[in-house]
């Protein structure tokens, strides 16, 4: 389970730096990575994740493949 969580965080960091995704979405994904107390960062992630999944599936697949160590 720990390896999966680490891979998810690495993939998200790669997505935040990917130039194929528009800046505002990358910025929001970066905010979702911050350790903000409360449900704010999870709410942002719930808004950004479906958009990335539907419209930017290929960059997400690339990030997931590159996140393996």
Protein backbone atom coordinates (compact mmCIF):
# COMPACT_ATOMS: atom_id res chain seq x y z
CA UNK A 1 0.00 0.00 0.00
CA UNK A 2 2.87 2.37 0.80
CA UNK A 3 4.44 1.79 -2.63
CA UNK A 4 1.15 2.61 -4.32
CA UNK A 5 0.82 5.87 -2.37
CA UNK A 6 4.38 6.83 -3.23
CA UNK A 7 3.75 6.10 -6.90
CA UNK A 8 0.57 8.21 -6.88
CA UNK A 9 2.44 11.17 -5.37
CA UNK A 10 5.29 10.83 -7.89
CA UNK A 11 2.84 10.62 -10.80
CA UNK A 12 1.00 13.70 -9.56
CA UNK A 13 4.26 15.62 -9.34
CA UNK A 14 5.02 14.64 -12.93
CA UNK A 15 1.57 15.77 -14.08
CA UNK A 16 2.05 19.13 -12.38
CA UNK A 17 5.19 19.66 -14.49
CA UNK A 18 3.75 18.35 -17.77
CA UNK A 19 3.50 21.06 -20.43
CA UNK A 20 0.68 19.30 -22.29
CA UNK A 21 -1.74 20.16 -19.50
CA UNK A 22 -2.93 23.80 -19.20
CA UNK A 23 -1.39 25.91 -16.45
CA UNK A 24 -4.51 26.43 -14.31
CA UNK A 25 -5.12 22.68 -14.08
CA UNK A 26 -1.47 22.05 -13.21
CA UNK A 27 -1.67 24.77 -10.58
CA UNK A 28 -4.78 23.22 -9.04
CA UNK A 29 -3.15 19.78 -9.05
CA UNK A 30 -0.19 21.32 -7.23
CA UNK A 31 -2.53 22.82 -4.63
CA UNK A 32 -4.04 19.37 -4.14
CA UNK A 33 -0.57 18.07 -3.19
CA UNK A 34 -0.13 20.59 -0.39
CA UNK A 35 -0.62 19.32 3.17
CA UNK A 36 -3.43 21.75 3.96
CA UNK A 37 -5.45 20.80 7.05
CA UNK A 38 -9.08 20.09 6.46
CA UNK A 39 -10.86 18.91 3.34
CA UNK A 40 -9.72 21.75 1.05
CA UNK A 41 -6.94 19.88 -0.78
CA UNK A 42 -9.12 16.78 -1.19
CA UNK A 43 -11.95 18.89 -2.61
CA UNK A 44 -9.59 20.46 -5.15
CA UNK A 45 -8.36 17.00 -6.14
CA UNK A 46 -11.94 15.80 -6.60
CA UNK A 47 -12.55 18.71 -8.99
CA UNK A 48 -9.32 18.30 -10.98
CA UNK A 49 -9.10 14.50 -11.22
CA UNK A 50 -12.17 13.93 -13.44
CA UNK A 51 -11.08 16.67 -15.84
CA UNK A 52 -7.61 15.18 -16.12
CA UNK A 53 -9.06 11.68 -16.50
CA UNK A 54 -11.44 12.62 -19.31
CA UNK A 55 -9.40 15.14 -21.31
CA UNK A 56 -5.75 14.40 -20.47
CA UNK A 57 -5.66 10.64 -20.23
CA UNK A 58 -2.45 10.17 -22.25
CA UNK A 59 -0.32 12.55 -20.12
CA UNK A 60 -1.68 10.79 -17.04
CA UNK A 61 -0.70 7.39 -18.44
CA UNK A 62 2.78 8.67 -19.22
CA UNK A 63 3.16 10.04 -15.69
CA UNK A 64 1.98 6.77 -14.17
CA UNK A 65 4.50 4.78 -16.23
CA UNK A 66 7.34 7.16 -15.37
CA UNK A 67 6.48 7.11 -11.64
CA UNK A 68 7.63 3.48 -11.24
CA UNK A 69 10.96 2.94 -9.56
